[in-house]
Amino acid sequence: MGLAISFGWIYGAPMDETKNTKAMPMGGGDAELVTMDLTGMKCPLPVLKARRQIGQMPAGGILVVIADDPAAPLDFDHFCQTGGHDLLESVAKDGVFTMRIAKALA
């Protein structure tokens, strides 16, 4: 079962007023999928929050991170190399970066 954690709009209130840190189901499947919207956060917060989340996931789980920090692609590439995780995808579109990471099997 997948999970999503959103740090954006919740119940019509902007992110500044409240934070949605609750994990929400995303759908079926065997591998755990977690999506984190970390837009608006600057280095080192996106990587720190992703590290905390991926530590709670099973081996092989997929973490999708959405960030707009210009350093995010390099930061997450380094995070994956040093942590043994697989950076499956890194896409940039209109200043927003989406990284898909598979948690290390060991």
N, C-alpha and C. Protein backbone atom coordinates (compact mmCIF):
# COMPACT_ATOMS: atom_id res chain seq x y z
N MET A 1 0.85 -1.17 0.00
CA MET A 1 0.00 0.00 0.00
C MET A 1 0.90 1.24 0.00
N GLY A 2 0.55 2.21 -0.83
CA GLY A 2 1.33 3.42 -0.92
C GLY A 2 0.89 4.46 0.09
N LEU A 3 1.74 5.40 0.36
CA LEU A 3 1.44 6.48 1.30
C LEU A 3 1.82 7.81 0.66
N ALA A 4 1.15 8.85 1.06
CA ALA A 4 1.53 10.19 0.60
C ALA A 4 1.61 11.11 1.80
N ILE A 5 2.61 11.92 1.80
CA ILE A 5 2.74 12.94 2.82
C ILE A 5 2.82 14.26 2.08
N SER A 6 1.91 15.13 2.37
CA SER A 6 1.85 16.40 1.67
C SER A 6 2.12 17.54 2.65
N PHE A 7 2.96 18.45 2.24
CA PHE A 7 3.25 19.62 3.05
C PHE A 7 2.72 20.86 2.34
N GLY A 8 1.61 20.72 1.64
CA GLY A 8 1.03 21.83 0.91
C GLY A 8 -0.29 22.24 1.52
N TRP A 9 -1.31 22.33 0.72
CA TRP A 9 -2.63 22.76 1.16
C TRP A 9 -3.35 21.65 1.87
N ILE A 10 -4.06 21.99 2.95
CA ILE A 10 -4.84 21.01 3.69
C ILE A 10 -6.14 21.67 4.13
N TYR A 11 -7.24 21.07 3.79
CA TYR A 11 -8.55 21.57 4.18
C TYR A 11 -8.73 23.05 3.85
N GLY A 12 -8.22 23.48 2.71
CA GLY A 12 -8.39 24.86 2.26
C GLY A 12 -7.49 25.86 2.93
N ALA A 13 -6.58 25.42 3.81
CA ALA A 13 -5.67 26.34 4.50
C ALA A 13 -4.28 26.22 3.89
N PRO A 14 -3.60 27.32 3.66
CA PRO A 14 -2.26 27.24 3.09
C PRO A 14 -1.27 26.61 4.05
N MET A 15 -0.15 26.16 3.49
CA MET A 15 0.88 25.47 4.23
C MET A 15 1.37 26.29 5.43
N ASP A 16 1.38 27.61 5.32
CA ASP A 16 1.88 28.44 6.41
C ASP A 16 1.03 28.29 7.68
N GLU A 17 -0.26 28.00 7.50
CA GLU A 17 -1.16 27.95 8.64
C GLU A 17 -1.21 26.57 9.30
N THR A 18 -1.01 25.53 8.52
CA THR A 18 -1.08 24.18 9.07
C THR A 18 -0.23 23.25 8.21
N LYS A 19 0.20 22.15 8.79
CA LYS A 19 0.99 21.17 8.05
C LYS A 19 0.27 19.84 8.07
N ASN A 20 0.22 19.20 6.92
CA ASN A 20 -0.36 17.87 6.83
C ASN A 20 0.79 16.88 6.85
N THR A 21 1.03 16.27 7.97
CA THR A 21 2.11 15.31 8.06
C THR A 21 1.59 13.89 8.17
N LYS A 22 0.28 13.72 7.98
CA LYS A 22 -0.32 12.39 8.05
C LYS A 22 -0.07 11.63 6.77
N ALA A 23 0.32 10.37 6.89
CA ALA A 23 0.47 9.52 5.72
C ALA A 23 -0.91 9.12 5.22
N MET A 24 -1.07 9.15 3.91
CA MET A 24 -2.36 8.81 3.31
C MET A 24 -2.17 7.69 2.30
N PRO A 25 -3.10 6.72 2.22
CA PRO A 25 -2.99 5.63 1.26
C PRO A 25 -3.01 6.17 -0.17
N MET A 26 -2.19 5.56 -1.03
CA MET A 26 -2.12 5.97 -2.42
C MET A 26 -2.72 4.93 -3.36
N GLY A 27 -2.82 3.68 -2.95
CA GLY A 27 -3.33 2.65 -3.84
C GLY A 27 -2.75 1.31 -3.48
N GLY A 28 -3.05 0.31 -4.30
CA GLY A 28 -2.61 -1.05 -4.03
C GLY A 28 -1.20 -1.31 -4.51
N GLY A 29 -0.81 -2.57 -4.52
CA GLY A 29 0.52 -2.96 -4.96
C GLY A 29 1.32 -3.54 -3.82
N ASP A 30 2.38 -4.26 -4.20
CA ASP A 30 3.21 -4.92 -3.20
C ASP A 30 4.24 -3.99 -2.59
N ALA A 31 4.88 -3.16 -3.43
CA ALA A 31 5.92 -2.27 -2.92
C ALA A 31 5.27 -1.04 -2.28
N GLU A 32 5.85 -0.60 -1.17
CA GLU A 32 5.35 0.59 -0.51
C GLU A 32 5.78 1.81 -1.32
N LEU A 33 4.85 2.72 -1.52
CA LEU A 33 5.10 3.95 -2.26
C LEU A 33 4.72 5.13 -1.38
N VAL A 34 5.67 6.03 -1.14
CA VAL A 34 5.42 7.22 -0.34
C VAL A 34 5.81 8.42 -1.19
N THR A 35 4.92 9.42 -1.21
CA THR A 35 5.20 10.66 -1.93
C THR A 35 5.28 11.80 -0.93
N MET A 36 6.34 12.58 -1.03
CA MET A 36 6.53 13.74 -0.15
C MET A 36 6.65 15.00 -0.99
N ASP A 37 5.78 15.96 -0.75
CA ASP A 37 5.86 17.25 -1.41
C ASP A 37 6.62 18.19 -0.49
N LEU A 38 7.87 18.45 -0.83
CA LEU A 38 8.74 19.26 0.01
C LEU A 38 9.04 20.60 -0.64
N THR A 39 8.14 21.05 -1.51
CA THR A 39 8.35 22.35 -2.14
C THR A 39 8.29 23.45 -1.09
N GLY A 40 9.10 24.46 -1.30
CA GLY A 40 9.18 25.57 -0.36
C GLY A 40 10.24 25.39 0.69
N MET A 41 10.81 24.19 0.80
CA MET A 41 11.87 23.94 1.79
C MET A 41 13.23 24.05 1.11
N LYS A 42 14.18 24.60 1.83
CA LYS A 42 15.53 24.77 1.31
C LYS A 42 16.49 23.82 2.01
N CYS A 43 17.61 23.58 1.35
CA CYS A 43 18.66 22.71 1.84
C CYS A 43 19.02 23.10 3.28
N PRO A 44 19.13 22.13 4.13
CA PRO A 44 19.15 20.69 3.97
C PRO A 44 17.82 19.99 4.28
N LEU A 45 16.73 20.77 4.51
CA LEU A 45 15.47 20.16 4.96
C LEU A 45 14.91 19.07 4.06
N PRO A 46 14.88 19.22 2.72
CA PRO A 46 14.31 18.13 1.92
C PRO A 46 15.01 16.78 2.14
N VAL A 47 16.33 16.80 2.17
CA VAL A 47 17.07 15.54 2.36
C VAL A 47 16.87 15.00 3.77
N LEU A 48 16.85 15.87 4.75
CA LEU A 48 16.65 15.41 6.14
C LEU A 48 15.29 14.76 6.32
N LYS A 49 14.25 15.36 5.76
CA LYS A 49 12.90 14.79 5.87
C LYS A 49 12.80 13.49 5.07
N ALA A 50 13.44 13.45 3.90
CA ALA A 50 13.43 12.22 3.10
C ALA A 50 14.18 11.10 3.82
N ARG A 51 15.30 11.43 4.44
CA ARG A 51 16.08 10.42 5.18
C ARG A 51 15.25 9.82 6.31
N ARG A 52 14.53 10.67 7.04
CA ARG A 52 13.68 10.18 8.13
C ARG A 52 12.60 9.25 7.58
N GLN A 53 11.96 9.66 6.49
CA GLN A 53 10.88 8.85 5.91
C GLN A 53 11.38 7.52 5.36
N ILE A 54 12.48 7.56 4.62
CA ILE A 54 12.97 6.33 3.99
C ILE A 54 13.46 5.34 5.05
N GLY A 55 13.89 5.85 6.20
CA GLY A 55 14.30 4.98 7.30
C GLY A 55 13.14 4.18 7.88
N GLN A 56 11.91 4.65 7.69
CA GLN A 56 10.72 3.97 8.20
C GLN A 56 10.10 3.03 7.16
N MET A 57 10.68 3.00 5.97
CA MET A 57 10.10 2.20 4.88
C MET A 57 10.79 0.85 4.77
N PRO A 58 10.09 -0.14 4.21
CA PRO A 58 10.72 -1.44 4.00
C PRO A 58 11.72 -1.38 2.84
N ALA A 59 12.67 -2.31 2.85
CA ALA A 59 13.63 -2.40 1.75
C ALA A 59 12.88 -2.54 0.43
N GLY A 60 13.33 -1.82 -0.58
CA GLY A 60 12.69 -1.87 -1.89
C GLY A 60 11.54 -0.88 -2.04
N GLY A 61 11.13 -0.23 -0.93
CA GLY A 61 10.05 0.76 -0.99
C GLY A 61 10.47 1.93 -1.86
N ILE A 62 9.50 2.60 -2.44
CA ILE A 62 9.76 3.72 -3.35
C ILE A 62 9.34 5.02 -2.68
N LEU A 63 10.26 5.97 -2.66
CA LEU A 63 10.00 7.30 -2.13
C LEU A 63 10.05 8.27 -3.30
N VAL A 64 8.96 9.01 -3.49
CA VAL A 64 8.91 10.05 -4.52
C VAL A 64 8.97 11.39 -3.80
N VAL A 65 9.98 12.19 -4.15
CA VAL A 65 10.17 13.49 -3.52
C VAL A 65 9.95 14.58 -4.56
N ILE A 66 9.13 15.56 -4.19
CA ILE A 66 8.91 16.72 -5.04
C ILE A 66 9.48 17.92 -4.29
N ALA A 67 10.43 18.61 -4.93
CA ALA A 67 11.11 19.73 -4.28
C ALA A 67 11.40 20.83 -5.31
N ASP A 68 11.52 22.06 -4.81
CA ASP A 68 11.86 23.16 -5.71
C ASP A 68 13.17 23.84 -5.33
N ASP A 69 13.89 23.26 -4.40
CA ASP A 69 15.20 23.78 -4.03
C ASP A 69 16.17 23.48 -5.18
N PRO A 70 16.85 24.49 -5.72
CA PRO A 70 17.76 24.26 -6.85
C PRO A 70 18.86 23.24 -6.56
N ALA A 71 19.20 23.03 -5.30
CA ALA A 71 20.25 22.07 -4.94
C ALA A 71 19.71 20.64 -4.81
N ALA A 72 18.41 20.46 -4.89
CA ALA A 72 17.80 19.14 -4.65
C ALA A 72 18.35 18.02 -5.54
N PRO A 73 18.47 18.19 -6.86
CA PRO A 73 18.97 17.07 -7.66
C PRO A 73 20.35 16.58 -7.22
N LEU A 74 21.26 17.50 -6.98
CA LEU A 74 22.60 17.12 -6.53
C LEU A 74 22.55 16.53 -5.12
N ASP A 75 21.78 17.13 -4.24
CA ASP A 75 21.65 16.63 -2.86
C ASP A 75 21.11 15.21 -2.83
N PHE A 76 20.08 14.93 -3.61
CA PHE A 76 19.48 13.60 -3.59
C PHE A 76 20.35 12.57 -4.31
N ASP A 77 21.11 13.00 -5.32
CA ASP A 77 22.06 12.09 -5.95
C ASP A 77 23.10 11.65 -4.92
N HIS A 78 23.62 12.60 -4.16
CA HIS A 78 24.61 12.30 -3.11
C HIS A 78 23.99 11.44 -2.01
N PHE A 79 22.75 11.78 -1.60
CA PHE A 79 22.04 11.01 -0.58
C PHE A 79 21.92 9.54 -0.99
N CYS A 80 21.57 9.30 -2.24
CA CYS A 80 21.41 7.92 -2.72
C CYS A 80 22.75 7.20 -2.81
N GLN A 81 23.78 7.88 -3.29
CA GLN A 81 25.09 7.24 -3.40
C GLN A 81 25.65 6.86 -2.04
N THR A 82 25.51 7.74 -1.06
CA THR A 82 26.08 7.45 0.25
C THR A 82 25.22 6.49 1.07
N GLY A 83 23.90 6.45 0.79
CA GLY A 83 23.01 5.58 1.54
C GLY A 83 22.76 4.23 0.89
N GLY A 84 23.28 4.04 -0.33
CA GLY A 84 23.09 2.78 -1.02
C GLY A 84 21.73 2.66 -1.70
N HIS A 85 20.98 3.74 -1.75
CA HIS A 85 19.66 3.73 -2.38
C HIS A 85 19.81 3.93 -3.88
N ASP A 86 18.76 3.57 -4.64
CA ASP A 86 18.79 3.75 -6.09
C ASP A 86 17.97 4.96 -6.48
N LEU A 87 18.61 5.92 -7.14
CA LEU A 87 17.91 7.06 -7.70
C LEU A 87 17.36 6.61 -9.04
N LEU A 88 16.09 6.25 -9.06
CA LEU A 88 15.47 5.68 -10.25
C LEU A 88 15.17 6.73 -11.30
N GLU A 89 14.87 7.94 -10.84
CA GLU A 89 14.47 8.99 -11.77
C GLU A 89 14.68 10.35 -11.11
N SER A 90 15.13 11.30 -11.91
CA SER A 90 15.25 12.68 -11.45
C SER A 90 14.81 13.56 -12.62
N VAL A 91 13.69 14.24 -12.46
CA VAL A 91 13.09 15.02 -13.54
C VAL A 91 12.92 16.46 -13.07
N ALA A 92 13.25 17.40 -13.95
CA ALA A 92 13.06 18.82 -13.66
C ALA A 92 12.03 19.38 -14.64
N LYS A 93 11.06 20.13 -14.10
CA LYS A 93 10.07 20.77 -14.95
C LYS A 93 9.63 22.06 -14.27
N ASP A 94 9.86 23.18 -14.95
CA ASP A 94 9.45 24.49 -14.46
C ASP A 94 9.96 24.79 -13.05
N GLY A 95 11.20 24.41 -12.77
CA GLY A 95 11.79 24.71 -11.47
C GLY A 95 11.39 23.77 -10.35
N VAL A 96 10.63 22.73 -10.67
CA VAL A 96 10.23 21.73 -9.68
C VAL A 96 10.90 20.41 -10.05
N PHE A 97 11.51 19.79 -9.07
CA PHE A 97 12.25 18.55 -9.28
C PHE A 97 11.50 17.38 -8.64
N THR A 98 11.43 16.28 -9.38
CA THR A 98 10.79 15.07 -8.87
C THR A 98 11.84 13.96 -8.90
N MET A 99 12.13 13.40 -7.74
CA MET A 99 13.09 12.31 -7.62
C MET A 99 12.36 11.06 -7.14
N ARG A 100 12.62 9.95 -7.82
CA ARG A 100 12.05 8.66 -7.42
C ARG A 100 13.19 7.80 -6.90
N ILE A 101 13.09 7.38 -5.64
CA ILE A 101 14.17 6.68 -4.96
C ILE A 101 13.67 5.33 -4.46
N ALA A 102 14.46 4.28 -4.73
CA ALA A 102 14.16 2.94 -4.19
C ALA A 102 15.08 2.73 -2.99
N LYS A 103 14.49 2.39 -1.85
CA LYS A 103 15.28 2.15 -0.64
C LYS A 103 16.19 0.94 -0.85
N ALA A 104 17.39 1.03 -0.33
CA ALA A 104 18.37 -0.04 -0.44
C ALA A 104 17.80 -1.35 0.11
N LEU A 105 18.17 -2.45 -0.53
CA LEU A 105 17.65 -3.76 -0.12
C LEU A 105 18.33 -4.27 1.14
N ALA A 106 19.54 -3.80 1.42
CA ALA A 106 20.25 -4.30 2.61
C ALA A 106 20.25 -3.30 3.73
